[in-house]
């Protein structure tokens, strides 16, 4: 058979219009008609696949037709094996509008991670762990259903203090020393920006429709979260207050923390406290130094204050937990103080829930000591000022030791 251009066009169009076994039969009959070398010629001139040609010739010679099972190829989607899966996921996510247990707010939204959705599918809908897809697959299903989240980003520090490098070098020395000393417990302290309580948008996203007030000029109240974080143990303690975060407040919650936890740390002789050098807790704040000295004497503890430099407080370990808290509640309505506390209790840091307390005492700012009284405080503390090299800065503002003679 001579393959002219018109004949090749006719053969290609005919084969294209046929499907399955009929197509293979037509191809096989054409190749047989081409004679010796027909398979190579058909592949070269007509673009037909040699595997398809071979299969068609076997069917032509044997009279047995191969049954195509294209649907059996590949893996089934999860919803094919579990027909109620997508509907159950929707029920879980859409049901996260629930009444506040205190009945003070109308609504409380709880956003779910993919891992939590998978866990609740097992707990609430009776799915077996081995039959459910992975958390990553469920995350894809959530996104396909329109339930998406957005990450929170932090920016780089905008300024650099002249002593920044020297402070970080000394921090590294201090942290290395205490890592080898079981009698020292490291605490990271800091406050988060005040949170408006009301039906306001916090710039987050939710898996269910959430409506808020158009403006947030007049919140019901505001609360300030203050945290004590134990980096080596990954434990977080959160204290909320509607009052001002003052020197007295900071030392009071430190005392509350130690009274409740000291039985666990009977071998601890020294507390290393990392902070930023803020207005109410810096080492030149007279009331703070008075109260922290009283705290050390009252509980017979040595205290080491090690501050992070200005504009670099993000390196303080507790700062990482604030991002988790904000991401946990930023798509929700914090319309009552109890609602904010509830969300703080349900957040997790490395799989652990924080201890959360509300401080109801009212604090006044502006409390100061006289110069004479502060000088008496200075006589009982030790600042890091004993550098002999001229090129090293004075770090006495950033590193302070308060010794109670405990060794």
Protein backbone atom coordinates (compact mmCIF):
# COMPACT_ATOMS: atom_id res chain seq x y z
CA UNK A 1 0.00 0.00 0.00
CA UNK A 2 1.36 3.37 -1.06
CA UNK A 3 0.85 6.07 1.59
CA UNK A 4 0.03 9.25 -0.29
CA UNK A 5 -0.59 12.51 1.55
CA UNK A 6 -4.34 12.28 1.01
CA UNK A 7 -4.39 8.67 2.23
CA UNK A 8 -2.35 9.50 5.34
CA UNK A 9 -4.75 12.30 6.19
CA UNK A 10 -7.73 9.97 5.76
CA UNK A 11 -6.17 7.25 7.96
CA UNK A 12 -5.28 9.70 10.73
CA UNK A 13 -8.73 11.31 10.82
CA UNK A 14 -10.46 7.92 10.83
CA UNK A 15 -8.30 6.60 13.68
CA UNK A 16 -8.89 9.83 15.62
CA UNK A 17 -12.66 9.40 15.44
CA UNK A 18 -12.55 5.83 16.77
CA UNK A 19 -12.12 4.85 20.41
CA UNK A 20 -10.83 1.84 22.35
CA UNK A 21 -10.96 -1.61 20.73
CA UNK A 22 -12.46 -0.26 17.48
CA UNK A 23 -9.55 2.11 17.05
CA UNK A 24 -6.96 -0.60 17.74
CA UNK A 25 -8.69 -2.94 15.23
CA UNK A 26 -8.61 -0.27 12.50
CA UNK A 27 -4.92 0.46 13.21
CA UNK A 28 -4.04 -3.26 13.16
CA UNK A 29 -5.86 -3.86 9.87
CA UNK A 30 -4.10 -0.86 8.32
CA UNK A 31 -0.66 -2.07 9.49
CA UNK A 32 -1.33 -5.58 8.12
CA UNK A 33 -2.31 -4.02 4.77
CA UNK A 34 0.98 -2.10 4.70
CA UNK A 35 2.84 -5.41 4.63
CA UNK A 36 6.40 -6.06 5.81
CA UNK A 37 7.68 -3.23 8.04
CA UNK A 38 4.17 -1.89 8.42
CA UNK A 39 4.52 -1.16 12.15
CA UNK A 40 7.61 1.00 11.63
CA UNK A 41 6.03 2.75 8.66
CA UNK A 42 2.79 3.43 10.58
CA UNK A 43 4.74 4.87 13.51
CA UNK A 44 6.92 7.01 11.26
CA UNK A 45 4.34 8.20 8.73
CA UNK A 46 1.11 8.22 10.76
CA UNK A 47 2.41 8.87 14.29
CA UNK A 48 0.73 5.77 15.77
CA UNK A 49 2.13 4.27 18.96
CA UNK A 50 3.97 0.93 18.62
CA UNK A 51 2.44 -0.38 21.87
CA UNK A 52 -1.07 0.36 20.64
CA UNK A 53 -0.27 -1.23 17.29
CA UNK A 54 1.07 -4.40 18.96
CA UNK A 55 -1.97 -4.66 21.21
CA UNK A 56 -4.32 -4.23 18.24
CA UNK A 57 -2.56 -6.95 16.22
CA UNK A 58 -2.81 -9.41 19.13
CA UNK A 59 -6.53 -8.68 19.43
CA UNK A 60 -6.95 -9.12 15.63
CA UNK A 61 -5.12 -12.45 15.57
CA UNK A 62 -6.68 -13.95 18.73
CA UNK A 63 -10.16 -12.54 18.40
CA UNK A 64 -10.04 -11.63 22.09
CA UNK A 65 -10.86 -8.00 22.90
CA UNK A 66 -9.05 -6.36 25.83
CA UNK A 67 -11.43 -4.48 28.16
CA UNK A 68 -10.21 -0.96 28.99
CA UNK A 69 -10.44 0.12 32.65
CA UNK A 70 -9.30 3.72 32.66
CA UNK A 71 -11.27 4.43 35.83
CA UNK A 72 -9.21 1.89 37.69
CA UNK A 73 -5.98 3.74 37.06
CA UNK A 74 -4.38 5.81 39.83
CA UNK A 75 -5.70 6.38 43.36
CA UNK A 76 -9.24 7.23 44.28
CA UNK A 77 -9.87 10.58 45.91
CA UNK A 78 -10.56 10.44 49.63
CA UNK A 79 -14.15 11.53 49.12
CA UNK A 80 -14.70 8.59 46.75
CA UNK A 81 -13.86 6.13 49.51
CA UNK A 82 -15.48 8.30 52.21
CA UNK A 83 -18.53 9.87 50.54
CA UNK A 84 -19.48 11.92 53.63
CA UNK A 85 -16.00 13.31 54.26
CA UNK A 86 -16.39 16.75 52.67
CA UNK A 87 -19.81 17.26 54.23
CA UNK A 88 -18.49 16.30 57.66
CA UNK A 89 -15.57 18.71 57.27
CA UNK A 90 -18.03 21.50 56.45
CA UNK A 91 -20.12 20.62 59.50
CA UNK A 92 -17.06 20.80 61.72
CA UNK A 93 -15.79 24.11 60.42
CA UNK A 94 -19.14 25.82 60.04
CA UNK A 95 -20.16 24.80 63.56
CA UNK A 96 -17.38 26.80 65.17
CA UNK A 97 -19.78 29.62 66.02
CA UNK A 98 -20.58 28.76 69.61
CA UNK A 99 -21.99 30.52 72.66
CA UNK A 100 -19.52 31.90 75.19
CA UNK A 101 -19.79 29.69 78.31
CA UNK A 102 -20.12 32.84 80.45
CA UNK A 103 -23.13 33.94 78.31
CA UNK A 104 -21.72 37.46 78.20
CA UNK A 105 -20.98 37.42 74.48
CA UNK A 106 -23.19 36.42 71.59
CA UNK A 107 -20.59 34.52 69.62
CA UNK A 108 -17.19 32.89 69.95
CA UNK A 109 -15.35 31.76 66.82
CA UNK A 110 -12.68 29.07 67.06
CA UNK A 111 -10.55 28.47 64.00
CA UNK A 112 -9.37 24.91 63.34
CA UNK A 113 -6.06 23.68 62.01
CA UNK A 114 -6.05 20.79 59.56
CA UNK A 115 -4.64 18.50 62.27
CA UNK A 116 -7.46 19.51 64.63
CA UNK A 117 -10.07 18.90 61.91
CA UNK A 118 -8.66 15.40 61.44
CA UNK A 119 -8.71 14.78 65.18
CA UNK A 120 -12.31 15.93 65.50
CA UNK A 121 -13.39 13.80 62.55
CA UNK A 122 -12.23 10.82 64.59
CA UNK A 123 -13.69 12.04 67.89
CA UNK A 124 -17.04 13.39 66.70
CA UNK A 125 -17.85 11.45 63.53
CA UNK A 126 -16.36 8.06 64.33
CA UNK A 127 -13.81 7.84 61.52
CA UNK A 128 -10.98 5.37 62.00
CA UNK A 129 -7.49 6.84 62.07
CA UNK A 130 -6.22 4.50 59.35
CA UNK A 131 -9.03 5.31 56.90
CA UNK A 132 -8.65 9.10 57.05
CA UNK A 133 -6.19 10.91 54.76
CA UNK A 134 -3.23 12.77 56.24
CA UNK A 135 -3.47 16.24 57.76
CA UNK A 136 -1.82 17.67 54.65
CA UNK A 137 -4.54 16.16 52.43
CA UNK A 138 -7.22 17.56 54.74
CA UNK A 139 -5.53 20.97 54.56
CA UNK A 140 -5.83 20.81 50.75
CA UNK A 141 -9.51 19.84 51.09
CA UNK A 142 -10.08 22.81 53.41
CA UNK A 143 -8.48 25.17 50.91
CA UNK A 144 -10.51 23.68 48.05
CA UNK A 145 -13.67 24.24 50.08
CA UNK A 146 -12.74 27.90 50.51
CA UNK A 147 -11.45 27.79 54.11
CA UNK A 148 -8.11 29.55 53.98
CA UNK A 149 -5.80 31.18 56.55
CA UNK A 150 -3.09 33.83 56.25
CA UNK A 151 0.18 33.86 58.09
CA UNK A 152 1.41 36.65 60.38
CA UNK A 153 4.75 38.26 59.52
CA UNK A 154 7.14 40.32 61.62
CA UNK A 155 9.52 42.98 60.31
CA UNK A 156 13.21 43.55 60.86
CA UNK A 157 14.34 46.00 63.59
CA UNK A 158 14.46 49.54 62.23
CA UNK A 159 17.28 50.95 64.38
CA UNK A 160 20.51 49.82 65.98
CA UNK A 161 21.71 51.10 69.34
CA UNK A 162 25.49 51.75 69.62
CA UNK A 163 25.95 49.09 72.32
CA UNK A 164 23.83 46.48 70.52
CA UNK A 165 26.66 44.15 69.50
CA UNK A 166 28.30 44.26 72.93
CA UNK A 167 24.96 43.54 74.65
CA UNK A 168 24.32 40.50 72.46
CA UNK A 169 27.85 39.22 73.10
CA UNK A 170 27.31 39.49 76.85
CA UNK A 171 23.87 37.85 76.56
CA UNK A 172 25.50 34.91 74.80
CA UNK A 173 28.04 34.59 77.63
CA UNK A 174 25.36 34.76 80.32
CA UNK A 175 23.11 32.23 78.60
CA UNK A 176 26.00 29.83 78.06
CA UNK A 177 26.94 30.03 81.74
CA UNK A 178 23.46 29.24 83.00
CA UNK A 179 22.98 26.37 80.51
CA UNK A 180 25.55 24.43 82.51
CA UNK A 181 24.21 25.46 85.93
CA UNK A 182 21.14 23.52 87.21
CA UNK A 183 20.65 26.03 90.04
CA UNK A 184 19.65 28.82 87.62
CA UNK A 185 16.19 29.17 86.04
CA UNK A 186 15.82 31.41 82.99
CA UNK A 187 12.65 33.50 82.64
CA UNK A 188 11.64 35.62 79.66
CA UNK A 189 9.24 38.48 80.49
CA UNK A 190 7.39 40.94 78.30
CA UNK A 191 4.03 42.60 77.69
CA UNK A 192 1.97 42.51 74.53
CA UNK A 193 0.25 45.58 73.11
CA UNK A 194 -3.10 46.31 74.73
CA UNK A 195 -6.06 44.54 73.15
CA UNK A 196 -9.36 46.31 72.46
CA UNK A 197 -12.33 44.39 73.79
CA UNK A 198 -15.41 44.71 71.58
CA UNK A 199 -16.90 43.56 68.30
CA UNK A 200 -13.84 44.62 66.30
CA UNK A 201 -11.87 43.36 63.32
CA UNK A 202 -8.35 42.23 64.26
CA UNK A 203 -7.18 41.83 60.67
CA UNK A 204 -7.39 38.05 60.63
CA UNK A 205 -9.35 35.48 58.67
CA UNK A 206 -11.88 32.90 59.75
CA UNK A 207 -13.18 29.72 58.18
CA UNK A 208 -16.73 30.96 58.67
CA UNK A 209 -18.25 34.39 57.81
CA UNK A 210 -17.53 36.88 60.62
CA UNK A 211 -18.97 40.41 60.84
CA UNK A 212 -17.58 43.16 63.06
CA UNK A 213 -18.30 46.81 63.83
CA UNK A 214 -17.31 49.38 61.24
CA UNK A 215 -15.20 51.39 63.72
CA UNK A 216 -13.40 50.59 66.97
CA UNK A 217 -13.19 54.05 68.51
CA UNK A 218 -14.90 53.11 71.79
CA UNK A 219 -13.98 49.66 73.07
CA UNK A 220 -15.73 48.25 76.13
CA UNK A 221 -12.32 48.05 77.80
CA UNK A 222 -8.76 47.09 76.98
CA UNK A 223 -6.58 44.35 78.42
CA UNK A 224 -2.82 44.00 78.43
CA UNK A 225 -1.37 40.47 78.29
CA UNK A 226 1.89 40.04 80.20
CA UNK A 227 3.83 36.82 79.90
CA UNK A 228 6.41 34.79 81.80
CA UNK A 229 8.04 32.22 79.53
CA UNK A 230 10.43 29.41 80.48
CA UNK A 231 12.49 28.81 77.30
CA UNK A 232 14.16 25.58 78.47
CA UNK A 233 10.82 24.01 79.46
CA UNK A 234 8.59 25.61 76.79
CA UNK A 235 6.12 26.69 79.49
CA UNK A 236 4.10 29.91 79.27
CA UNK A 237 2.27 31.86 81.98
CA UNK A 238 -0.04 34.68 80.87
CA UNK A 239 -1.41 37.43 83.10
CA UNK A 240 -4.12 39.78 81.82
CA UNK A 241 -4.92 43.14 83.35
CA UNK A 242 -7.30 45.99 82.57
CA UNK A 243 -5.08 48.22 84.69
CA UNK A 244 -1.76 49.77 83.69
CA UNK A 245 1.34 47.61 83.38
CA UNK A 246 3.51 49.19 86.05
CA UNK A 247 6.62 48.19 87.96
CA UNK A 248 4.44 46.98 90.83
CA UNK A 249 2.30 44.87 88.48
CA UNK A 250 5.37 43.21 86.93
CA UNK A 251 6.91 42.24 90.26
CA UNK A 252 3.53 41.16 91.67
CA UNK A 253 2.95 38.66 88.88
CA UNK A 254 6.55 37.47 89.18
CA UNK A 255 5.85 36.81 92.87
CA UNK A 256 2.58 35.05 92.00
CA UNK A 257 4.40 32.85 89.50
CA UNK A 258 7.11 31.91 91.99
CA UNK A 259 4.67 31.21 94.84
CA UNK A 260 2.70 28.81 92.64
CA UNK A 261 5.69 27.09 91.01
CA UNK A 262 8.56 27.19 93.54
CA UNK A 263 7.83 23.68 94.82
CA UNK A 264 8.82 22.37 91.38
CA UNK A 265 12.14 24.22 91.49
CA UNK A 266 13.48 23.48 94.94
CA UNK A 267 17.04 23.33 93.59
CA UNK A 268 16.85 26.78 91.98
CA UNK A 269 18.95 29.47 93.68
CA UNK A 270 19.02 32.12 90.95
CA UNK A 271 16.49 33.54 88.50
CA UNK A 272 17.89 34.91 85.24
CA UNK A 273 15.32 37.36 83.90
CA UNK A 274 15.40 38.42 80.24
CA UNK A 275 13.44 41.59 79.40
CA UNK A 276 13.48 44.53 77.06
CA UNK A 277 14.58 47.78 78.71
CA UNK A 278 11.09 49.31 78.84
CA UNK A 279 9.83 52.30 80.75
CA UNK A 280 8.41 50.35 83.70
CA UNK A 281 11.01 47.60 84.04
CA UNK A 282 14.37 49.13 83.10
CA UNK A 283 17.22 49.12 85.58
CA UNK A 284 16.99 52.90 86.10
CA UNK A 285 13.31 52.73 87.05
CA UNK A 286 13.53 53.31 90.78
CA UNK A 287 10.27 51.61 91.80
CA UNK A 288 11.06 48.52 89.74
CA UNK A 289 14.52 48.14 91.26
CA UNK A 290 13.08 48.62 94.75
CA UNK A 291 10.40 45.96 94.21
CA UNK A 292 12.70 43.44 92.49
CA UNK A 293 15.20 43.78 95.34
CA UNK A 294 12.39 43.18 97.86
CA UNK A 295 11.28 40.16 95.87
CA UNK A 296 14.79 38.69 95.94
CA UNK A 297 15.11 39.24 99.69
CA UNK A 298 11.62 37.93 100.44
CA UNK A 299 12.09 34.64 98.58
CA UNK A 300 15.82 34.26 99.24
CA UNK A 301 16.71 34.23 95.55
CA UNK A 302 19.59 35.62 93.59
CA UNK A 303 18.39 37.68 90.64
CA UNK A 304 20.23 38.36 87.37
CA UNK A 305 18.66 40.95 85.10
CA UNK A 306 19.81 40.62 81.47
CA UNK A 307 18.15 43.07 79.08
CA UNK A 308 17.89 42.97 75.31
CA UNK A 309 18.96 46.14 73.46
CA UNK A 310 16.40 48.67 72.17
CA UNK A 311 14.58 47.82 68.93
CA UNK A 312 15.63 44.17 69.29
CA UNK A 313 13.06 42.90 71.76
CA UNK A 314 11.91 40.37 69.13
CA UNK A 315 14.95 38.29 70.14
CA UNK A 316 13.46 37.88 73.60
CA UNK A 317 12.05 34.29 73.53
CA UNK A 318 8.60 35.30 74.78
CA UNK A 319 8.08 37.45 71.68
CA UNK A 320 7.64 34.27 69.66
CA UNK A 321 4.64 33.28 71.75
CA UNK A 322 2.83 36.57 71.03
CA UNK A 323 2.77 35.74 67.33
CA UNK A 324 1.11 32.39 68.14
CA UNK A 325 -1.49 34.07 70.37
CA UNK A 326 -2.29 36.74 67.79
CA UNK A 327 -2.58 34.17 65.02
CA UNK A 328 -4.84 32.08 67.29
CA UNK A 329 -7.42 34.81 67.93
CA UNK A 330 -6.97 37.40 65.16
CA UNK A 331 -9.85 36.04 63.05
CA UNK A 332 -12.26 36.06 65.99
CA UNK A 333 -14.41 38.53 67.91
CA UNK A 334 -13.00 39.42 71.33
CA UNK A 335 -16.16 41.06 72.65
CA UNK A 336 -15.58 40.22 76.34
CA UNK A 337 -12.55 39.92 78.60
CA UNK A 338 -13.58 36.31 79.30
CA UNK A 339 -13.50 35.62 75.56
CA UNK A 340 -9.90 36.83 75.32
CA UNK A 341 -8.97 34.69 78.32
CA UNK A 342 -10.65 31.67 76.72
CA UNK A 343 -8.63 32.04 73.53
CA UNK A 344 -5.42 32.49 75.52
CA UNK A 345 -6.13 29.23 77.38
CA UNK A 346 -6.78 27.30 74.17
CA UNK A 347 -3.65 28.44 72.31
CA UNK A 348 -0.72 26.04 72.31
CA UNK A 349 3.02 26.58 72.31
CA UNK A 350 4.87 23.43 71.25
CA UNK A 351 1.87 21.36 72.24
CA UNK A 352 1.38 22.95 75.68
CA UNK A 353 -1.44 25.22 76.85
CA UNK A 354 -0.41 28.26 78.92
CA UNK A 355 -1.45 29.01 82.49
CA UNK A 356 -3.77 32.04 82.22
CA UNK A 357 -4.81 34.40 85.02
CA UNK A 358 -6.73 37.67 85.22
CA UNK A 359 -5.27 40.29 87.58
CA UNK A 360 -8.06 42.47 88.98
CA UNK A 361 -5.94 44.78 91.13
CA UNK A 362 -5.67 48.40 89.97
CA UNK A 363 -2.18 49.88 89.67
CA UNK A 364 -1.09 53.52 89.58
CA UNK A 365 1.92 54.68 87.61
CA UNK A 366 4.34 57.45 88.48
CA UNK A 367 5.57 55.90 91.74
CA UNK A 368 9.21 56.95 92.24
CA UNK A 369 11.94 56.84 94.86
CA UNK A 370 14.04 59.76 96.00
CA UNK A 371 17.67 59.93 94.94
CA UNK A 372 18.73 59.01 98.47
CA UNK A 373 16.46 55.97 98.53
CA UNK A 374 17.67 54.88 95.10
CA UNK A 375 21.28 55.21 96.22
CA UNK A 376 20.54 52.72 98.99
CA UNK A 377 19.22 50.34 96.32
CA UNK A 378 22.35 50.84 94.22
CA UNK A 379 24.49 49.87 97.20
CA UNK A 380 22.79 46.46 97.27
CA UNK A 381 23.06 45.58 93.58
CA UNK A 382 25.96 45.01 91.21
CA UNK A 383 26.08 46.43 87.71
CA UNK A 384 28.32 45.15 84.92
CA UNK A 385 30.73 48.09 84.88
CA UNK A 386 34.03 46.40 85.67
CA UNK A 387 35.50 46.46 82.14
CA UNK A 388 39.19 47.23 81.99
CA UNK A 389 39.46 47.56 78.21
CA UNK A 390 38.81 51.07 76.89
CA UNK A 391 37.11 49.84 73.71
CA UNK A 392 34.31 48.01 75.56
CA UNK A 393 31.18 50.01 76.49
CA UNK A 394 29.69 50.27 79.95
CA UNK A 395 26.88 47.70 80.17
CA UNK A 396 25.79 48.51 83.70
CA UNK A 397 22.34 49.50 82.47
CA UNK A 398 21.76 46.13 80.84
CA UNK A 399 23.21 43.54 83.25
CA UNK A 400 22.52 43.63 86.99
CA UNK A 401 23.12 41.09 89.75
CA UNK A 402 21.15 41.07 93.00
CA UNK A 403 22.72 38.69 95.48
CA UNK A 404 21.06 37.38 98.61
CA UNK A 405 24.06 35.32 99.64
CA UNK A 406 22.49 32.09 98.34
CA UNK A 407 25.05 29.73 96.82
